[in-house]
């Protein structure tokens, strides 16, 4: 699900990797 753009999707991935 893309909300707002690819920036949000990347943020989700970065957060998942930065746990």
N, C-alpha and C. Protein backbone atom coordinates (compact mmCIF):
# COMPACT_ATOMS: atom_id res chain seq x y z
N UNK A 1 0.86 -1.22 0.00
CA UNK A 1 0.00 0.00 0.00
C UNK A 1 0.88 1.25 0.00
N UNK A 2 0.72 2.07 -0.99
CA UNK A 2 1.54 3.29 -1.08
C UNK A 2 0.71 4.49 -0.62
N UNK A 3 1.11 5.09 0.49
CA UNK A 3 0.34 6.25 0.99
C UNK A 3 1.21 7.50 0.92
N UNK A 4 0.91 8.40 0.00
CA UNK A 4 1.68 9.63 -0.11
C UNK A 4 2.79 9.50 -1.14
N UNK A 5 3.27 8.30 -1.35
CA UNK A 5 4.33 8.13 -2.36
C UNK A 5 5.35 7.09 -1.93
N UNK A 6 6.38 6.90 -2.72
CA UNK A 6 7.41 5.90 -2.43
C UNK A 6 8.19 6.25 -1.17
N UNK A 7 8.15 7.52 -0.80
CA UNK A 7 8.88 7.94 0.41
C UNK A 7 8.34 7.21 1.63
N UNK A 8 7.02 7.04 1.68
CA UNK A 8 6.40 6.36 2.83
C UNK A 8 6.79 4.89 2.82
N UNK A 9 6.76 4.27 1.65
CA UNK A 9 7.12 2.85 1.56
C UNK A 9 8.57 2.66 2.00
N UNK A 10 9.43 3.55 1.59
CA UNK A 10 10.85 3.42 1.97
C UNK A 10 11.00 3.62 3.47
N UNK A 11 10.24 4.55 4.02
CA UNK A 11 10.32 4.82 5.46
C UNK A 11 9.92 3.55 6.22
N UNK A 12 8.92 2.85 5.72
CA UNK A 12 8.47 1.60 6.38
C UNK A 12 9.60 0.58 6.37
N UNK A 13 10.28 0.47 5.25
CA UNK A 13 11.36 -0.52 5.12
C UNK A 13 12.53 -0.11 6.03
N UNK A 14 12.84 1.16 6.03
CA UNK A 14 13.97 1.64 6.86
C UNK A 14 13.65 1.39 8.33
N UNK A 15 12.41 1.66 8.73
CA UNK A 15 12.03 1.45 10.14
C UNK A 15 12.13 -0.03 10.48
N UNK A 16 11.70 -0.89 9.58
CA UNK A 16 11.74 -2.34 9.84
C UNK A 16 13.20 -2.79 9.97
N UNK A 17 14.07 -2.20 9.18
CA UNK A 17 15.49 -2.60 9.23
C UNK A 17 16.17 -1.92 10.43
N UNK A 18 15.61 -0.78 10.86
CA UNK A 18 16.24 -0.02 11.96
C UNK A 18 15.53 -0.33 13.26
N UNK A 19 15.34 -1.62 13.56
CA UNK A 19 14.60 -1.98 14.78
C UNK A 19 15.59 -2.57 15.75
